């Protein structure tokens, strides 16, 4: 299953310098089930923005699997 998010980009002209990252809410990336939903939200954010130094883009997210340690794993030499 594909997931989509909003990629936030700050330009080099910004006082804080350039940066790129996923848009987050409560420390978790904001995700959408369809590209259209992500595009609509990115468009809404762009219409509210007060500077030309920040842009929002819809983008497909790769699902990252978290590796959980297994209590049964042992290192043997």
C-alpha atoms as a PDB file:
ATOM      1  CA  UNK A   1       0.000   0.000   0.000  1.00  0.00           C
ATOM      2  CA  UNK A   2       1.353   3.389  -0.977  1.00  0.00           C
ATOM      3  CA  UNK A   3       1.431   6.338   1.387  1.00  0.00           C
ATOM      4  CA  UNK A   4       1.863   9.975   0.553  1.00  0.00           C
ATOM      5  CA  UNK A   5       3.121  12.885   2.582  1.00  0.00           C
ATOM      6  CA  UNK A   6       4.006  16.535   2.248  1.00  0.00           C
ATOM      7  CA  UNK A   7       7.626  17.401   1.596  1.00  0.00           C
ATOM      8  CA  UNK A   8       8.553  20.793   3.057  1.00  0.00           C
ATOM      9  CA  UNK A   9      11.466  22.668   1.522  1.00  0.00           C
ATOM     10  CA  UNK A  10      13.116  25.845   2.815  1.00  0.00           C
ATOM     11  CA  UNK A  11      15.269  27.720   0.284  1.00  0.00           C
ATOM     12  CA  UNK A  12      18.843  28.916   0.705  1.00  0.00           C
ATOM     13  CA  UNK A  13      17.480  32.472   0.779  1.00  0.00           C
ATOM     14  CA  UNK A  14      15.900  31.769   4.181  1.00  0.00           C
ATOM     15  CA  UNK A  15      17.506  33.318   7.263  1.00  0.00           C
ATOM     16  CA  UNK A  16      17.817  29.798   8.724  1.00  0.00           C
ATOM     17  CA  UNK A  17      19.346  28.376   5.528  1.00  0.00           C
ATOM     18  CA  UNK A  18      18.177  25.543   3.289  1.00  0.00           C
ATOM     19  CA  UNK A  19      16.420  22.457   4.632  1.00  0.00           C
ATOM     20  CA  UNK A  20      14.092  19.652   3.526  1.00  0.00           C
ATOM     21  CA  UNK A  21      11.932  17.306   5.606  1.00  0.00           C
ATOM     22  CA  UNK A  22       8.543  15.633   5.846  1.00  0.00           C
ATOM     23  CA  UNK A  23       5.788  17.768   7.325  1.00  0.00           C
ATOM     24  CA  UNK A  24       5.126  16.429  10.831  1.00  0.00           C
ATOM     25  CA  UNK A  25       2.376  16.641  13.421  1.00  0.00           C
ATOM     26  CA  UNK A  26       3.115  15.524  16.997  1.00  0.00           C
ATOM     27  CA  UNK A  27       6.602  14.365  15.892  1.00  0.00           C
ATOM     28  CA  UNK A  28       5.141  11.954  13.300  1.00  0.00           C
ATOM     29  CA  UNK A  29       5.083  12.529   9.527  1.00  0.00           C
ATOM     30  CA  UNK A  30       1.641  13.488   8.236  1.00  0.00           C
ATOM     31  CA  UNK A  31       0.475  10.758   5.844  1.00  0.00           C
ATOM     32  CA  UNK A  32      -2.330  10.416   3.318  1.00  0.00           C
ATOM     33  CA  UNK A  33      -3.755   7.397   1.516  1.00  0.00           C
ATOM     34  CA  UNK A  34      -3.955   9.110  -1.887  1.00  0.00           C
ATOM     35  CA  UNK A  35      -1.783  11.516  -3.817  1.00  0.00           C
ATOM     36  CA  UNK A  36      -4.812  13.752  -4.352  1.00  0.00           C
ATOM     37  CA  UNK A  37      -5.334  14.183  -0.588  1.00  0.00           C
ATOM     38  CA  UNK A  38      -1.671  15.113  -0.120  1.00  0.00           C
ATOM     39  CA  UNK A  39      -1.789  17.505  -3.085  1.00  0.00           C
ATOM     40  CA  UNK A  40      -4.905  19.218  -1.730  1.00  0.00           C
ATOM     41  CA  UNK A  41      -3.303  19.739   1.692  1.00  0.00           C
ATOM     42  CA  UNK A  42      -0.017  20.970   0.150  1.00  0.00           C
ATOM     43  CA  UNK A  43      -1.989  23.429  -1.985  1.00  0.00           C
ATOM     44  CA  UNK A  44      -3.892  24.646   1.092  1.00  0.00           C
ATOM     45  CA  UNK A  45      -0.619  25.189   2.964  1.00  0.00           C
ATOM     46  CA  UNK A  46       0.916  27.045   0.000  1.00  0.00           C
ATOM     47  CA  UNK A  47      -2.081  29.400  -0.149  1.00  0.00           C
ATOM     48  CA  UNK A  48      -1.590  30.346   3.528  1.00  0.00           C
ATOM     49  CA  UNK A  49       2.163  30.859   3.348  1.00  0.00           C
ATOM     50  CA  UNK A  50       3.541  34.350   3.882  1.00  0.00           C
ATOM     51  CA  UNK A  51       7.026  33.850   2.450  1.00  0.00           C
ATOM     52  CA  UNK A  52       8.556  32.687  -0.817  1.00  0.00           C
ATOM     53  CA  UNK A  53      11.296  30.836   1.085  1.00  0.00           C
ATOM     54  CA  UNK A  54       9.157  27.806   2.016  1.00  0.00           C
ATOM     55  CA  UNK A  55       7.389  25.373  -0.321  1.00  0.00           C
ATOM     56  CA  UNK A  56       5.208  22.307   0.231  1.00  0.00           C
ATOM     57  CA  UNK A  57       4.963  19.410  -2.231  1.00  0.00           C
ATOM     58  CA  UNK A  58       2.977  16.166  -2.226  1.00  0.00           C
ATOM     59  CA  UNK A  59       5.337  13.194  -2.430  1.00  0.00           C
ATOM     60  CA  UNK A  60       5.150   9.414  -2.176  1.00  0.00           C
ATOM     61  CA  UNK A  61       6.562   8.087   1.083  1.00  0.00           C
ATOM     62  CA  UNK A  62       8.461   4.848   1.349  1.00  0.00           C
ATOM     63  CA  UNK A  63       7.142   2.794   4.215  1.00  0.00           C
ATOM     64  CA  UNK A  64       9.939   2.340   6.712  1.00  0.00           C
ATOM     65  CA  UNK A  65       9.876  -0.877   8.656  1.00  0.00           C
ATOM     66  CA  UNK A  66      11.074  -0.682  12.219  1.00  0.00           C
ATOM     67  CA  UNK A  67      13.463  -3.369  13.327  1.00  0.00           C
ATOM     68  CA  UNK A  68      12.584  -4.737  16.730  1.00  0.00           C
ATOM     69  CA  UNK A  69      15.203  -6.617  18.689  1.00  0.00           C
ATOM     70  CA  UNK A  70      14.459 -10.246  19.370  1.00  0.00           C
ATOM     71  CA  UNK A  71      15.176 -11.451  22.911  1.00  0.00           C
ATOM     72  CA  UNK A  72      16.251 -14.810  21.475  1.00  0.00           C
ATOM     73  CA  UNK A  73      19.100 -13.419  19.379  1.00  0.00           C
ATOM     74  CA  UNK A  74      22.603 -14.072  20.666  1.00  0.00           C
ATOM     75  CA  UNK A  75      26.017 -13.311  19.283  1.00  0.00           C
ATOM     76  CA  UNK A  76      28.199 -16.382  19.253  1.00  0.00           C
ATOM     77  CA  UNK A  77      31.893 -16.385  18.502  1.00  0.00           C
END
